[in-house]
């Protein structure tokens, strides 16, 4: 919340929830993801870089709410 003061608490909650929803299965199912890759195993650091880029884009997207909540 400190890093994203333009977002409401609800915005941060949903964005973090969706980030975890994407991140946990990705990390937990690396072997399955590797099986879909046609070039062998996916590098773990590459996977985490992609996940962080995805999460950051979601967290930094403009707010859909009119005004942030005052805490």
PDB file of N, CA and C in Angstrom:
ATOM      1  N   UNK A   1       0.823  -1.197   0.000  1.00  0.00           N
ATOM      2  CA  UNK A   1       0.000   0.000   0.000  1.00  0.00           C
ATOM      3  C   UNK A   1       0.862   1.253   0.000  1.00  0.00           C
ATOM      4  N   UNK A   2       1.986   1.229   0.686  1.00  0.00           N
ATOM      5  CA  UNK A   2       2.868   2.394   0.716  1.00  0.00           C
ATOM      6  C   UNK A   2       3.444   2.665  -0.673  1.00  0.00           C
ATOM      7  N   UNK A   3       3.796   1.617  -1.388  1.00  0.00           N
ATOM      8  CA  UNK A   3       4.401   1.769  -2.713  1.00  0.00           C
ATOM      9  C   UNK A   3       3.384   2.154  -3.781  1.00  0.00           C
ATOM     10  N   UNK A   4       2.104   1.926  -3.529  1.00  0.00           N
ATOM     11  CA  UNK A   4       1.053   2.198  -4.520  1.00  0.00           C
ATOM     12  C   UNK A   4      -0.058   3.053  -3.904  1.00  0.00           C
ATOM     13  N   UNK A   5       0.272   4.276  -3.456  1.00  0.00           N
ATOM     14  CA  UNK A   5      -0.731   5.098  -2.766  1.00  0.00           C
ATOM     15  C   UNK A   5      -1.908   5.508  -3.646  1.00  0.00           C
ATOM     16  N   UNK A   6      -1.736   5.445  -4.961  1.00  0.00           N
ATOM     17  CA  UNK A   6      -2.831   5.820  -5.864  1.00  0.00           C
ATOM     18  C   UNK A   6      -3.901   4.741  -5.963  1.00  0.00           C
ATOM     19  N   UNK A   7      -3.619   3.568  -5.412  1.00  0.00           N
ATOM     20  CA  UNK A   7      -4.586   2.469  -5.447  1.00  0.00           C
ATOM     21  C   UNK A   7      -5.340   2.365  -4.136  1.00  0.00           C
ATOM     22  N   UNK A   8      -6.588   1.958  -4.219  1.00  0.00           N
ATOM     23  CA  UNK A   8      -7.363   1.699  -3.019  1.00  0.00           C
ATOM     24  C   UNK A   8      -6.905   0.388  -2.390  1.00  0.00           C
ATOM     25  N   UNK A   9      -7.254   0.183  -1.137  1.00  0.00           N
ATOM     26  CA  UNK A   9      -6.919  -1.075  -0.465  1.00  0.00           C
ATOM     27  C   UNK A   9      -7.538  -2.245  -1.221  1.00  0.00           C
ATOM     28  N   UNK A  10      -8.730  -2.053  -1.738  1.00  0.00           N
ATOM     29  CA  UNK A  10      -9.410  -3.111  -2.492  1.00  0.00           C
ATOM     30  C   UNK A  10      -8.656  -3.442  -3.784  1.00  0.00           C
ATOM     31  N   UNK A  11      -8.170  -2.401  -4.487  1.00  0.00           N
ATOM     32  CA  UNK A  11      -7.373  -2.625  -5.691  1.00  0.00           C
ATOM     33  C   UNK A  11      -6.142  -3.469  -5.368  1.00  0.00           C
ATOM     34  N   UNK A  12      -5.432  -3.099  -4.317  1.00  0.00           N
ATOM     35  CA  UNK A  12      -4.215  -3.822  -3.940  1.00  0.00           C
ATOM     36  C   UNK A  12      -4.557  -5.263  -3.567  1.00  0.00           C
ATOM     37  N   UNK A  13      -5.634  -5.448  -2.821  1.00  0.00           N
ATOM     38  CA  UNK A  13      -6.047  -6.795  -2.434  1.00  0.00           C
ATOM     39  C   UNK A  13      -6.284  -7.671  -3.660  1.00  0.00           C
ATOM     40  N   UNK A  14      -7.068  -7.198  -4.621  1.00  0.00           N
ATOM     41  CA  UNK A  14      -7.381  -7.993  -5.804  1.00  0.00           C
ATOM     42  C   UNK A  14      -6.131  -8.264  -6.630  1.00  0.00           C
ATOM     43  N   UNK A  15      -5.315  -7.260  -6.805  1.00  0.00           N
ATOM     44  CA  UNK A  15      -4.122  -7.438  -7.632  1.00  0.00           C
ATOM     45  C   UNK A  15      -3.157  -8.437  -7.009  1.00  0.00           C
ATOM     46  N   UNK A  16      -2.979  -8.350  -5.699  1.00  0.00           N
ATOM     47  CA  UNK A  16      -2.103  -9.303  -5.028  1.00  0.00           C
ATOM     48  C   UNK A  16      -2.694 -10.706  -5.084  1.00  0.00           C
ATOM     49  N   UNK A  17      -4.006 -10.807  -4.911  1.00  0.00           N
ATOM     50  CA  UNK A  17      -4.688 -12.102  -5.004  1.00  0.00           C
ATOM     51  C   UNK A  17      -4.460 -12.740  -6.376  1.00  0.00           C
ATOM     52  N   UNK A  18      -4.632 -11.962  -7.441  1.00  0.00           N
ATOM     53  CA  UNK A  18      -4.445 -12.493  -8.787  1.00  0.00           C
ATOM     54  C   UNK A  18      -2.983 -12.827  -9.057  1.00  0.00           C
ATOM     55  N   UNK A  19      -2.060 -12.026  -8.527  1.00  0.00           N
ATOM     56  CA  UNK A  19      -0.640 -12.331  -8.689  1.00  0.00           C
ATOM     57  C   UNK A  19      -0.303 -13.666  -8.034  1.00  0.00           C
ATOM     58  N   UNK A  20      -0.791 -13.876  -6.815  1.00  0.00           N
ATOM     59  CA  UNK A  20      -0.559 -15.166  -6.158  1.00  0.00           C
ATOM     60  C   UNK A  20      -1.226 -16.301  -6.925  1.00  0.00           C
ATOM     61  N   UNK A  21      -2.411 -16.039  -7.461  1.00  0.00           N
ATOM     62  CA  UNK A  21      -3.122 -17.053  -8.237  1.00  0.00           C
ATOM     63  C   UNK A  21      -2.369 -17.472  -9.483  1.00  0.00           C
ATOM     64  N   UNK A  22      -1.595 -16.577 -10.044  1.00  0.00           N
ATOM     65  CA  UNK A  22      -0.767 -16.923 -11.206  1.00  0.00           C
ATOM     66  C   UNK A  22       0.579 -17.502 -10.773  1.00  0.00           C
ATOM     67  N   UNK A  23       1.137 -16.959  -9.715  1.00  0.00           N
ATOM     68  CA  UNK A  23       2.493 -17.327  -9.313  1.00  0.00           C
ATOM     69  C   UNK A  23       2.639 -18.679  -8.655  1.00  0.00           C
ATOM     70  N   UNK A  24       1.761 -18.988  -7.728  1.00  0.00           N
ATOM     71  CA  UNK A  24       1.893 -20.247  -6.989  1.00  0.00           C
ATOM     72  C   UNK A  24       1.812 -21.455  -7.918  1.00  0.00           C
ATOM     73  N   UNK A  25       0.809 -21.561  -8.787  1.00  0.00           N
ATOM     74  CA  UNK A  25       0.775 -22.719  -9.689  1.00  0.00           C
ATOM     75  C   UNK A  25       1.955 -22.754 -10.660  1.00  0.00           C
ATOM     76  N   UNK A  26       2.422 -21.590 -11.089  1.00  0.00           N
ATOM     77  CA  UNK A  26       3.553 -21.549 -12.015  1.00  0.00           C
ATOM     78  C   UNK A  26       4.794 -22.154 -11.376  1.00  0.00           C
ATOM     79  N   UNK A  27       5.082 -21.747 -10.164  1.00  0.00           N
ATOM     80  CA  UNK A  27       6.259 -22.266  -9.473  1.00  0.00           C
ATOM     81  C   UNK A  27       6.060 -23.735  -9.095  1.00  0.00           C
ATOM     82  N   UNK A  28       4.874 -24.077  -8.633  1.00  0.00           N
ATOM     83  CA  UNK A  28       4.605 -25.449  -8.192  1.00  0.00           C
ATOM     84  C   UNK A  28       4.582 -26.449  -9.337  1.00  0.00           C
ATOM     85  N   UNK A  29       4.271 -25.992 -10.528  1.00  0.00           N
ATOM     86  CA  UNK A  29       4.112 -26.900 -11.672  1.00  0.00           C
ATOM     87  C   UNK A  29       5.196 -26.703 -12.728  1.00  0.00           C
ATOM     88  N   UNK A  30       6.399 -26.372 -12.305  1.00  0.00           N
ATOM     89  CA  UNK A  30       7.477 -26.132 -13.255  1.00  0.00           C
ATOM     90  C   UNK A  30       7.715 -27.347 -14.157  1.00  0.00           C
ATOM     91  N   UNK A  31       7.640 -28.539 -13.602  1.00  0.00           N
ATOM     92  CA  UNK A  31       7.875 -29.738 -14.421  1.00  0.00           C
ATOM     93  C   UNK A  31       6.836 -29.855 -15.532  1.00  0.00           C
ATOM     94  N   UNK A  32       5.589 -29.503 -15.227  1.00  0.00           N
ATOM     95  CA  UNK A  32       4.548 -29.556 -16.246  1.00  0.00           C
ATOM     96  C   UNK A  32       4.827 -28.509 -17.328  1.00  0.00           C
ATOM     97  N   UNK A  33       5.228 -27.324 -16.916  1.00  0.00           N
ATOM     98  CA  UNK A  33       5.552 -26.273 -17.887  1.00  0.00           C
ATOM     99  C   UNK A  33       6.723 -26.717 -18.754  1.00  0.00           C
ATOM    100  N   UNK A  34       7.732 -27.343 -18.129  1.00  0.00           N
ATOM    101  CA  UNK A  34       8.867 -27.863 -18.892  1.00  0.00           C
ATOM    102  C   UNK A  34       8.417 -28.842 -19.965  1.00  0.00           C
ATOM    103  N   UNK A  35       7.410 -29.658 -19.651  1.00  0.00           N
ATOM    104  CA  UNK A  35       6.951 -30.659 -20.622  1.00  0.00           C
ATOM    105  C   UNK A  35       6.300 -30.013 -21.849  1.00  0.00           C
ATOM    106  N   UNK A  36       5.778 -28.792 -21.705  1.00  0.00           N
ATOM    107  CA  UNK A  36       5.179 -28.080 -22.840  1.00  0.00           C
ATOM    108  C   UNK A  36       6.224 -27.338 -23.671  1.00  0.00           C
ATOM    109  N   UNK A  37       7.380 -27.100 -23.066  1.00  0.00           N
ATOM    110  CA  UNK A  37       8.444 -26.363 -23.752  1.00  0.00           C
ATOM    111  C   UNK A  37       9.109 -27.269 -24.771  1.00  0.00           C
ATOM    112  N   UNK A  38       9.238 -26.800 -25.992  1.00  0.00           N
ATOM    113  CA  UNK A  38       9.819 -27.615 -27.059  1.00  0.00           C
ATOM    114  C   UNK A  38      11.346 -27.550 -27.079  1.00  0.00           C
ATOM    115  N   UNK A  39      11.924 -26.729 -26.216  1.00  0.00           N
ATOM    116  CA  UNK A  39      13.380 -26.555 -26.233  1.00  0.00           C
ATOM    117  C   UNK A  39      14.018 -27.075 -24.953  1.00  0.00           C
ATOM    118  N   UNK A  40      13.379 -27.990 -24.268  1.00  0.00           N
ATOM    119  CA  UNK A  40      13.933 -28.523 -23.026  1.00  0.00           C
ATOM    120  C   UNK A  40      13.396 -27.787 -21.814  1.00  0.00           C
ATOM    121  N   UNK A  41      14.125 -27.896 -20.727  1.00  0.00           N
ATOM    122  CA  UNK A  41      13.694 -27.309 -19.459  1.00  0.00           C
ATOM    123  C   UNK A  41      13.764 -25.782 -19.486  1.00  0.00           C
ATOM    124  N   UNK A  42      12.780 -25.151 -18.860  1.00  0.00           N
ATOM    125  CA  UNK A  42      12.768 -23.696 -18.729  1.00  0.00           C
ATOM    126  C   UNK A  42      13.644 -23.321 -17.542  1.00  0.00           C
ATOM    127  N   UNK A  43      14.493 -22.338 -17.740  1.00  0.00           N
ATOM    128  CA  UNK A  43      15.368 -21.850 -16.687  1.00  0.00           C
ATOM    129  C   UNK A  43      14.529 -21.213 -15.576  1.00  0.00           C
ATOM    130  N   UNK A  44      14.789 -21.617 -14.331  1.00  0.00           N
ATOM    131  CA  UNK A  44      13.999 -21.117 -13.201  1.00  0.00           C
ATOM    132  C   UNK A  44      14.114 -19.605 -13.063  1.00  0.00           C
ATOM    133  N   UNK A  45      15.297 -19.052 -13.254  1.00  0.00           N
ATOM    134  CA  UNK A  45      15.442 -17.593 -13.125  1.00  0.00           C
ATOM    135  C   UNK A  45      14.664 -16.865 -14.220  1.00  0.00           C
ATOM    136  N   UNK A  46      14.612 -17.439 -15.425  1.00  0.00           N
ATOM    137  CA  UNK A  46      13.813 -16.845 -16.506  1.00  0.00           C
ATOM    138  C   UNK A  46      12.329 -16.878 -16.146  1.00  0.00           C
ATOM    139  N   UNK A  47      11.889 -18.016 -15.597  1.00  0.00           N
ATOM    140  CA  UNK A  47      10.494 -18.160 -15.200  1.00  0.00           C
ATOM    141  C   UNK A  47      10.127 -17.103 -14.153  1.00  0.00           C
ATOM    142  N   UNK A  48      10.999 -16.908 -13.171  1.00  0.00           N
ATOM    143  CA  UNK A  48      10.715 -15.930 -12.122  1.00  0.00           C
ATOM    144  C   UNK A  48      10.753 -14.502 -12.655  1.00  0.00           C
ATOM    145  N   UNK A  49      11.656 -14.210 -13.593  1.00  0.00           N
ATOM    146  CA  UNK A  49      11.685 -12.882 -14.210  1.00  0.00           C
ATOM    147  C   UNK A  49      10.385 -12.592 -14.953  1.00  0.00           C
ATOM    148  N   UNK A  50       9.886 -13.572 -15.680  1.00  0.00           N
ATOM    149  CA  UNK A  50       8.617 -13.406 -16.400  1.00  0.00           C
ATOM    150  C   UNK A  50       7.457 -13.216 -15.427  1.00  0.00           C
ATOM    151  N   UNK A  51       7.461 -13.982 -14.347  1.00  0.00           N
ATOM    152  CA  UNK A  51       6.403 -13.874 -13.344  1.00  0.00           C
ATOM    153  C   UNK A  51       6.419 -12.501 -12.675  1.00  0.00           C
ATOM    154  N   UNK A  52       7.597 -12.005 -12.336  1.00  0.00           N
ATOM    155  CA  UNK A  52       7.710 -10.679 -11.718  1.00  0.00           C
ATOM    156  C   UNK A  52       7.260  -9.592 -12.694  1.00  0.00           C
ATOM    157  N   UNK A  53       7.651  -9.704 -13.965  1.00  0.00           N
ATOM    158  CA  UNK A  53       7.220  -8.716 -14.967  1.00  0.00           C
ATOM    159  C   UNK A  53       5.700  -8.711 -15.103  1.00  0.00           C
ATOM    160  N   UNK A  54       5.107  -9.901 -15.117  1.00  0.00           N
ATOM    161  CA  UNK A  54       3.650 -10.019 -15.203  1.00  0.00           C
ATOM    162  C   UNK A  54       2.983  -9.386 -13.979  1.00  0.00           C
ATOM    163  N   UNK A  55       3.483  -9.723 -12.788  1.00  0.00           N
ATOM    164  CA  UNK A  55       2.905  -9.184 -11.558  1.00  0.00           C
ATOM    165  C   UNK A  55       3.067  -7.682 -11.455  1.00  0.00           C
ATOM    166  N   UNK A  56       4.221  -7.171 -11.838  1.00  0.00           N
ATOM    167  CA  UNK A  56       4.461  -5.732 -11.782  1.00  0.00           C
ATOM    168  C   UNK A  56       3.513  -4.976 -12.707  1.00  0.00           C
ATOM    169  N   UNK A  57       3.297  -5.520 -13.894  1.00  0.00           N
ATOM    170  CA  UNK A  57       2.373  -4.867 -14.836  1.00  0.00           C
ATOM    171  C   UNK A  57       0.972  -4.784 -14.241  1.00  0.00           C
ATOM    172  N   UNK A  58       0.548  -5.850 -13.588  1.00  0.00           N
ATOM    173  CA  UNK A  58      -0.774  -5.835 -12.961  1.00  0.00           C
ATOM    174  C   UNK A  58      -0.858  -4.861 -11.794  1.00  0.00           C
ATOM    175  N   UNK A  59       0.172  -4.849 -10.963  1.00  0.00           N
ATOM    176  CA  UNK A  59       0.169  -3.944  -9.812  1.00  0.00           C
ATOM    177  C   UNK A  59       0.251  -2.482 -10.231  1.00  0.00           C
ATOM    178  N   UNK A  60       0.957  -2.192 -11.305  1.00  0.00           N
ATOM    179  CA  UNK A  60       1.174  -0.809 -11.728  1.00  0.00           C
ATOM    180  C   UNK A  60       0.120  -0.280 -12.694  1.00  0.00           C
ATOM    181  N   UNK A  61      -0.839  -1.114 -13.070  1.00  0.00           N
ATOM    182  CA  UNK A  61      -1.898  -0.665 -13.978  1.00  0.00           C
ATOM    183  C   UNK A  61      -2.709   0.459 -13.314  1.00  0.00           C
ATOM    184  N   UNK A  62      -3.255   1.359 -14.110  1.00  0.00           N
ATOM    185  CA  UNK A  62      -4.069   2.440 -13.535  1.00  0.00           C
ATOM    186  C   UNK A  62      -5.256   1.887 -12.746  1.00  0.00           C
ATOM    187  N   UNK A  63      -5.636   2.616 -11.729  1.00  0.00           N
ATOM    188  CA  UNK A  63      -6.764   2.213 -10.891  1.00  0.00           C
ATOM    189  C   UNK A  63      -8.070   2.315 -11.669  1.00  0.00           C
ATOM    190  N   UNK A  64      -8.957   1.378 -11.407  1.00  0.00           N
ATOM    191  CA  UNK A  64     -10.291   1.432 -12.006  1.00  0.00           C
ATOM    192  C   UNK A  64     -11.270   2.145 -11.097  1.00  0.00           C
ATOM    193  N   UNK A  65     -10.877   2.389  -9.847  1.00  0.00           N
ATOM    194  CA  UNK A  65     -11.756   3.074  -8.900  1.00  0.00           C
ATOM    195  C   UNK A  65     -11.549   4.583  -9.010  1.00  0.00           C
ATOM    196  N   UNK A  66     -12.529   5.320  -8.600  1.00  0.00           N
ATOM    197  CA  UNK A  66     -12.482   6.779  -8.745  1.00  0.00           C
ATOM    198  C   UNK A  66     -11.423   7.425  -7.862  1.00  0.00           C
ATOM    199  N   UNK A  67     -11.384   7.066  -6.591  1.00  0.00           N
ATOM    200  CA  UNK A  67     -10.429   7.673  -5.659  1.00  0.00           C
ATOM    201  C   UNK A  67      -9.896   6.633  -4.701  1.00  0.00           C
ATOM    202  N   UNK A  68      -8.636   6.749  -4.277  1.00  0.00           N
ATOM    203  CA  UNK A  68      -8.106   5.806  -3.294  1.00  0.00           C
ATOM    204  C   UNK A  68      -8.762   5.976  -1.933  1.00  0.00           C
ATOM    205  N   UNK A  69      -8.776   4.903  -1.161  1.00  0.00           N
ATOM    206  CA  UNK A  69      -9.322   4.967   0.186  1.00  0.00           C
ATOM    207  C   UNK A  69      -8.331   5.662   1.098  1.00  0.00           C
ATOM    208  N   UNK A  70      -8.823   6.415   2.064  1.00  0.00           N
ATOM    209  CA  UNK A  70      -7.972   7.065   3.049  1.00  0.00           C
ATOM    210  C   UNK A  70      -7.857   6.138   4.228  1.00  0.00           C
ATOM    211  N   UNK A  71      -6.605   5.877   4.642  1.00  0.00           N
ATOM    212  CA  UNK A  71      -6.436   4.949   5.775  1.00  0.00           C
ATOM    213  C   UNK A  71      -6.044   5.690   7.036  1.00  0.00           C
TER     214      UNK A  71
END
